[in-house]
Amino acid sequence: MAALADIAPDFATYLIEFPFGDIYARPGLDLRAREIATIAALTAMGNAAPQLKIHVQAGLNVGLSRAEITEVIMQMAVYAGFPAALNGLFAAKAVFDACPTRGESQPV
C-alpha cells in the first residue's frame, strides 16, 4: 500500500478492501481453500510472481504445507502449461528459501 500512496492511494485501499473485506470474508470456503484457489489462479496467469509469493506465504500462514503448495502449482502445468508452472515453482521456492522451516511439518 505504501508503494501506491503517492500515485494511487484509492487503488491501494480498493486492493485491500475488496478482496479481503468482501471476498475472503464470504462464507462457503475457509481461508485454506481460498489460498489454494488463489495460488492456482496466480500460477495459471504465469506473470504474477510478486502476488504469487504473497499468497504462497499466506498459504503457509493458514496451514498449507510446502508439499501441498508445490502440488497445487504442479497441477497447473496441465491447465496453464509448463512455463506458468515453472514460474510458479520458482516463486514458491523463493518464499520457502526465505523461511527454511515454514510449512515442512504439515502432512499432505
N, C-alpha and C. Protein backbone atom coordinates (compact mmCIF):
# COMPACT_ATOMS: atom_id res chain seq x y z
N MET A 1 0.82 -1.19 0.00
CA MET A 1 0.00 0.00 0.00
C MET A 1 0.87 1.25 0.00
N ALA A 2 1.96 1.21 0.74
CA ALA A 2 2.83 2.39 0.83
C ALA A 2 3.41 2.74 -0.53
N ALA A 3 3.69 1.73 -1.35
CA ALA A 3 4.26 1.99 -2.67
C ALA A 3 3.27 2.70 -3.60
N LEU A 4 1.98 2.59 -3.30
CA LEU A 4 0.97 3.24 -4.14
C LEU A 4 0.48 4.57 -3.56
N ALA A 5 0.91 4.90 -2.36
CA ALA A 5 0.38 6.07 -1.66
C ALA A 5 0.52 7.36 -2.44
N ASP A 6 1.63 7.55 -3.13
CA ASP A 6 1.84 8.82 -3.84
C ASP A 6 1.24 8.85 -5.24
N ILE A 7 0.87 7.69 -5.78
CA ILE A 7 0.33 7.68 -7.14
C ILE A 7 -1.16 7.32 -7.18
N ALA A 8 -1.58 6.37 -6.34
CA ALA A 8 -2.97 5.91 -6.39
C ALA A 8 -3.42 5.40 -5.03
N PRO A 9 -3.56 6.30 -4.05
CA PRO A 9 -3.94 5.85 -2.71
C PRO A 9 -5.31 5.16 -2.68
N ASP A 10 -6.25 5.61 -3.50
CA ASP A 10 -7.56 4.96 -3.53
C ASP A 10 -7.44 3.53 -4.03
N PHE A 11 -6.58 3.31 -5.03
CA PHE A 11 -6.39 1.95 -5.55
C PHE A 11 -5.83 1.04 -4.46
N ALA A 12 -4.91 1.54 -3.68
CA ALA A 12 -4.34 0.77 -2.58
C ALA A 12 -5.44 0.35 -1.60
N THR A 13 -6.35 1.26 -1.34
CA THR A 13 -7.47 0.94 -0.45
C THR A 13 -8.35 -0.13 -1.06
N TYR A 14 -8.69 0.01 -2.35
CA TYR A 14 -9.53 -0.98 -3.03
C TYR A 14 -8.83 -2.35 -3.05
N LEU A 15 -7.53 -2.33 -3.19
CA LEU A 15 -6.74 -3.55 -3.26
C LEU A 15 -6.88 -4.38 -1.99
N ILE A 16 -7.10 -3.73 -0.88
CA ILE A 16 -7.28 -4.44 0.39
C ILE A 16 -8.76 -4.66 0.69
N GLU A 17 -9.58 -3.63 0.55
CA GLU A 17 -10.98 -3.71 0.95
C GLU A 17 -11.79 -4.74 0.16
N PHE A 18 -11.66 -4.75 -1.17
CA PHE A 18 -12.50 -5.65 -1.95
C PHE A 18 -12.12 -7.11 -1.75
N PRO A 19 -10.86 -7.51 -2.02
CA PRO A 19 -10.61 -8.94 -1.87
C PRO A 19 -10.69 -9.43 -0.43
N PHE A 20 -10.13 -8.69 0.50
CA PHE A 20 -10.07 -9.20 1.87
C PHE A 20 -11.29 -8.81 2.70
N GLY A 21 -11.86 -7.66 2.44
CA GLY A 21 -13.04 -7.24 3.18
C GLY A 21 -14.32 -7.85 2.66
N ASP A 22 -14.39 -8.07 1.35
CA ASP A 22 -15.62 -8.59 0.75
C ASP A 22 -15.52 -10.07 0.36
N ILE A 23 -14.52 -10.42 -0.43
CA ILE A 23 -14.45 -11.77 -0.98
C ILE A 23 -13.95 -12.79 0.04
N TYR A 24 -12.80 -12.55 0.64
CA TYR A 24 -12.25 -13.51 1.59
C TYR A 24 -13.15 -13.70 2.82
N ALA A 25 -13.95 -12.73 3.14
CA ALA A 25 -14.82 -12.80 4.31
C ALA A 25 -16.13 -13.54 4.05
N ARG A 26 -16.40 -13.89 2.81
CA ARG A 26 -17.64 -14.60 2.49
C ARG A 26 -17.65 -15.99 3.11
N PRO A 27 -18.84 -16.49 3.43
CA PRO A 27 -18.93 -17.88 3.89
C PRO A 27 -18.78 -18.83 2.70
N GLY A 28 -18.55 -20.07 2.97
CA GLY A 28 -18.52 -21.06 1.89
C GLY A 28 -17.18 -21.74 1.71
N LEU A 29 -16.10 -20.99 1.88
CA LEU A 29 -14.76 -21.56 1.80
C LEU A 29 -13.95 -21.06 2.99
N ASP A 30 -13.15 -21.94 3.55
CA ASP A 30 -12.26 -21.48 4.61
C ASP A 30 -11.02 -20.82 3.98
N LEU A 31 -10.21 -20.20 4.80
CA LEU A 31 -9.04 -19.47 4.28
C LEU A 31 -8.06 -20.41 3.58
N ARG A 32 -7.95 -21.62 4.05
CA ARG A 32 -7.06 -22.60 3.43
C ARG A 32 -7.48 -22.86 1.98
N ALA A 33 -8.77 -23.12 1.78
CA ALA A 33 -9.29 -23.38 0.44
C ALA A 33 -9.15 -22.14 -0.45
N ARG A 34 -9.38 -20.97 0.11
CA ARG A 34 -9.24 -19.74 -0.67
C ARG A 34 -7.80 -19.54 -1.12
N GLU A 35 -6.84 -19.86 -0.26
CA GLU A 35 -5.43 -19.71 -0.66
C GLU A 35 -5.05 -20.74 -1.71
N ILE A 36 -5.57 -21.95 -1.63
CA ILE A 36 -5.32 -22.94 -2.68
C ILE A 36 -5.81 -22.41 -4.02
N ALA A 37 -7.04 -21.89 -4.04
CA ALA A 37 -7.60 -21.35 -5.28
C ALA A 37 -6.79 -20.16 -5.79
N THR A 38 -6.35 -19.31 -4.89
CA THR A 38 -5.59 -18.12 -5.28
C THR A 38 -4.22 -18.51 -5.82
N ILE A 39 -3.56 -19.44 -5.15
CA ILE A 39 -2.25 -19.90 -5.64
C ILE A 39 -2.39 -20.52 -7.02
N ALA A 40 -3.43 -21.31 -7.22
CA ALA A 40 -3.66 -21.91 -8.53
C ALA A 40 -3.90 -20.85 -9.60
N ALA A 41 -4.75 -19.89 -9.29
CA ALA A 41 -5.07 -18.85 -10.27
C ALA A 41 -3.86 -17.99 -10.62
N LEU A 42 -3.11 -17.57 -9.62
CA LEU A 42 -1.93 -16.75 -9.88
C LEU A 42 -0.87 -17.53 -10.64
N THR A 43 -0.72 -18.81 -10.33
CA THR A 43 0.20 -19.65 -11.09
C THR A 43 -0.24 -19.74 -12.54
N ALA A 44 -1.52 -19.98 -12.76
CA ALA A 44 -2.04 -20.12 -14.12
C ALA A 44 -1.84 -18.85 -14.95
N MET A 45 -1.88 -17.70 -14.29
CA MET A 45 -1.65 -16.46 -15.02
C MET A 45 -0.25 -16.42 -15.61
N GLY A 46 0.71 -16.98 -14.90
CA GLY A 46 2.06 -17.07 -15.41
C GLY A 46 2.90 -15.82 -15.32
N ASN A 47 2.29 -14.71 -14.93
CA ASN A 47 3.02 -13.43 -14.91
C ASN A 47 2.76 -12.63 -13.65
N ALA A 48 2.46 -13.32 -12.56
CA ALA A 48 2.09 -12.63 -11.33
C ALA A 48 2.96 -13.10 -10.15
N ALA A 49 4.26 -13.24 -10.40
CA ALA A 49 5.15 -13.77 -9.36
C ALA A 49 5.11 -12.98 -8.05
N PRO A 50 5.11 -11.64 -8.07
CA PRO A 50 5.08 -10.93 -6.78
C PRO A 50 3.82 -11.25 -5.97
N GLN A 51 2.69 -11.30 -6.63
CA GLN A 51 1.44 -11.61 -5.95
C GLN A 51 1.42 -13.08 -5.51
N LEU A 52 1.95 -13.96 -6.35
CA LEU A 52 2.00 -15.37 -6.00
C LEU A 52 2.85 -15.59 -4.76
N LYS A 53 3.97 -14.91 -4.65
CA LYS A 53 4.82 -15.05 -3.46
C LYS A 53 4.06 -14.65 -2.20
N ILE A 54 3.30 -13.59 -2.28
CA ILE A 54 2.50 -13.16 -1.12
C ILE A 54 1.50 -14.24 -0.73
N HIS A 55 0.88 -14.88 -1.72
CA HIS A 55 -0.14 -15.88 -1.41
C HIS A 55 0.47 -17.24 -1.05
N VAL A 56 1.67 -17.53 -1.51
CA VAL A 56 2.36 -18.72 -1.01
C VAL A 56 2.63 -18.53 0.48
N GLN A 57 3.11 -17.35 0.86
CA GLN A 57 3.33 -17.05 2.29
C GLN A 57 2.01 -17.12 3.06
N ALA A 58 0.95 -16.58 2.47
CA ALA A 58 -0.37 -16.64 3.12
C ALA A 58 -0.82 -18.09 3.27
N GLY A 59 -0.56 -18.91 2.25
CA GLY A 59 -0.90 -20.33 2.34
C GLY A 59 -0.19 -21.01 3.50
N LEU A 60 1.08 -20.71 3.67
CA LEU A 60 1.81 -21.25 4.82
C LEU A 60 1.19 -20.75 6.12
N ASN A 61 0.77 -19.49 6.13
CA ASN A 61 0.18 -18.90 7.34
C ASN A 61 -1.14 -19.58 7.73
N VAL A 62 -1.89 -20.09 6.76
CA VAL A 62 -3.18 -20.72 7.07
C VAL A 62 -3.07 -22.24 7.14
N GLY A 63 -1.85 -22.76 7.14
CA GLY A 63 -1.66 -24.18 7.39
C GLY A 63 -1.36 -25.07 6.20
N LEU A 64 -1.19 -24.50 5.02
CA LEU A 64 -0.79 -25.35 3.89
C LEU A 64 0.66 -25.77 4.08
N SER A 65 0.97 -26.97 3.68
CA SER A 65 2.35 -27.43 3.73
C SER A 65 3.05 -27.04 2.43
N ARG A 66 4.37 -27.08 2.45
CA ARG A 66 5.15 -26.84 1.23
C ARG A 66 4.74 -27.85 0.15
N ALA A 67 4.56 -29.10 0.58
CA ALA A 67 4.20 -30.15 -0.37
C ALA A 67 2.85 -29.86 -1.02
N GLU A 68 1.88 -29.39 -0.24
CA GLU A 68 0.57 -29.06 -0.81
C GLU A 68 0.67 -27.90 -1.79
N ILE A 69 1.42 -26.87 -1.43
CA ILE A 69 1.59 -25.72 -2.32
C ILE A 69 2.27 -26.15 -3.61
N THR A 70 3.30 -26.96 -3.48
CA THR A 70 4.02 -27.46 -4.66
C THR A 70 3.10 -28.27 -5.55
N GLU A 71 2.26 -29.12 -4.98
CA GLU A 71 1.33 -29.93 -5.77
C GLU A 71 0.31 -29.06 -6.50
N VAL A 72 -0.19 -28.03 -5.83
CA VAL A 72 -1.14 -27.11 -6.48
C VAL A 72 -0.48 -26.47 -7.69
N ILE A 73 0.74 -26.00 -7.53
CA ILE A 73 1.44 -25.34 -8.62
C ILE A 73 1.74 -26.33 -9.75
N MET A 74 2.18 -27.54 -9.40
CA MET A 74 2.45 -28.54 -10.42
C MET A 74 1.19 -28.92 -11.19
N GLN A 75 0.05 -28.97 -10.52
CA GLN A 75 -1.23 -29.27 -11.17
C GLN A 75 -1.52 -28.27 -12.29
N MET A 76 -1.08 -27.05 -12.12
CA MET A 76 -1.35 -26.01 -13.11
C MET A 76 -0.61 -26.25 -14.43
N ALA A 77 0.43 -27.09 -14.43
CA ALA A 77 1.12 -27.42 -15.68
C ALA A 77 0.15 -28.05 -16.69
N VAL A 78 -0.82 -28.81 -16.16
CA VAL A 78 -1.80 -29.47 -17.04
C VAL A 78 -2.71 -28.45 -17.71
N TYR A 79 -3.09 -27.41 -16.98
CA TYR A 79 -4.09 -26.47 -17.48
C TYR A 79 -3.52 -25.15 -17.98
N ALA A 80 -2.38 -24.74 -17.45
CA ALA A 80 -1.81 -23.44 -17.83
C ALA A 80 -0.49 -23.58 -18.56
N GLY A 81 0.07 -24.78 -18.59
CA GLY A 81 1.31 -25.02 -19.30
C GLY A 81 2.51 -25.09 -18.37
N PHE A 82 3.55 -25.72 -18.87
CA PHE A 82 4.77 -25.88 -18.08
C PHE A 82 5.46 -24.57 -17.76
N PRO A 83 5.51 -23.59 -18.68
CA PRO A 83 6.17 -22.33 -18.30
C PRO A 83 5.49 -21.65 -17.11
N ALA A 84 4.17 -21.63 -17.07
CA ALA A 84 3.46 -21.00 -15.95
C ALA A 84 3.74 -21.75 -14.66
N ALA A 85 3.72 -23.08 -14.71
CA ALA A 85 4.00 -23.88 -13.52
C ALA A 85 5.45 -23.68 -13.07
N LEU A 86 6.36 -23.63 -14.01
CA LEU A 86 7.77 -23.42 -13.66
C LEU A 86 7.97 -22.06 -12.99
N ASN A 87 7.36 -21.03 -13.55
CA ASN A 87 7.43 -19.71 -12.90
C ASN A 87 6.86 -19.76 -11.49
N GLY A 88 5.76 -20.48 -11.33
CA GLY A 88 5.14 -20.62 -10.02
C GLY A 88 6.03 -21.36 -9.04
N LEU A 89 6.68 -22.41 -9.51
CA LEU A 89 7.57 -23.16 -8.63
C LEU A 89 8.76 -22.32 -8.17
N PHE A 90 9.28 -21.50 -9.07
CA PHE A 90 10.40 -20.63 -8.68
C PHE A 90 9.94 -19.56 -7.69
N ALA A 91 8.73 -19.06 -7.85
CA ALA A 91 8.20 -18.09 -6.88
C ALA A 91 8.04 -18.76 -5.51
N ALA A 92 7.49 -19.97 -5.50
CA ALA A 92 7.32 -20.69 -4.23
C ALA A 92 8.67 -21.00 -3.60
N LYS A 93 9.64 -21.40 -4.41
CA LYS A 93 10.97 -21.70 -3.89
C LYS A 93 11.58 -20.49 -3.21
N ALA A 94 11.37 -19.31 -3.78
CA ALA A 94 11.90 -18.09 -3.16
C ALA A 94 11.30 -17.88 -1.77
N VAL A 95 10.01 -18.14 -1.64
CA VAL A 95 9.36 -18.00 -0.33
C VAL A 95 9.87 -19.07 0.63
N PHE A 96 9.95 -20.30 0.15
CA PHE A 96 10.43 -21.40 1.01
C PHE A 96 11.86 -21.13 1.47
N ASP A 97 12.70 -20.64 0.56
CA ASP A 97 14.10 -20.36 0.91
C ASP A 97 14.21 -19.25 1.95
N ALA A 98 13.28 -18.30 1.91
CA ALA A 98 13.29 -17.19 2.87
C ALA A 98 12.83 -17.64 4.26
N CYS A 99 12.06 -18.72 4.32
CA CYS A 99 11.55 -19.26 5.59
C CYS A 99 11.85 -20.75 5.61
N PRO A 100 13.09 -21.15 5.87
CA PRO A 100 13.52 -22.53 5.67
C PRO A 100 12.73 -23.62 6.37
N THR A 101 12.13 -23.36 7.51
CA THR A 101 11.41 -24.43 8.21
C THR A 101 9.90 -24.27 8.15
N ARG A 102 9.43 -23.22 7.55
CA ARG A 102 7.99 -22.94 7.49
C ARG A 102 7.28 -23.90 6.56
N GLY A 103 6.24 -24.56 7.04
CA GLY A 103 5.40 -25.41 6.19
C GLY A 103 5.94 -26.80 5.96
N GLU A 104 7.00 -27.19 6.68
CA GLU A 104 7.57 -28.52 6.46
C GLU A 104 6.85 -29.61 7.23
N SER A 105 6.30 -29.29 8.37
CA SER A 105 5.79 -30.34 9.26
C SER A 105 4.38 -30.79 8.94
N GLN A 106 3.60 -30.02 8.20
CA GLN A 106 2.23 -30.42 7.91
C GLN A 106 2.22 -31.54 6.87
N PRO A 107 1.44 -32.58 7.07
CA PRO A 107 1.36 -33.67 6.10
C PRO A 107 0.54 -33.26 4.87
N VAL A 108 0.73 -33.98 3.79
CA VAL A 108 -0.06 -33.74 2.57
C VAL A 108 -1.35 -34.50 2.68
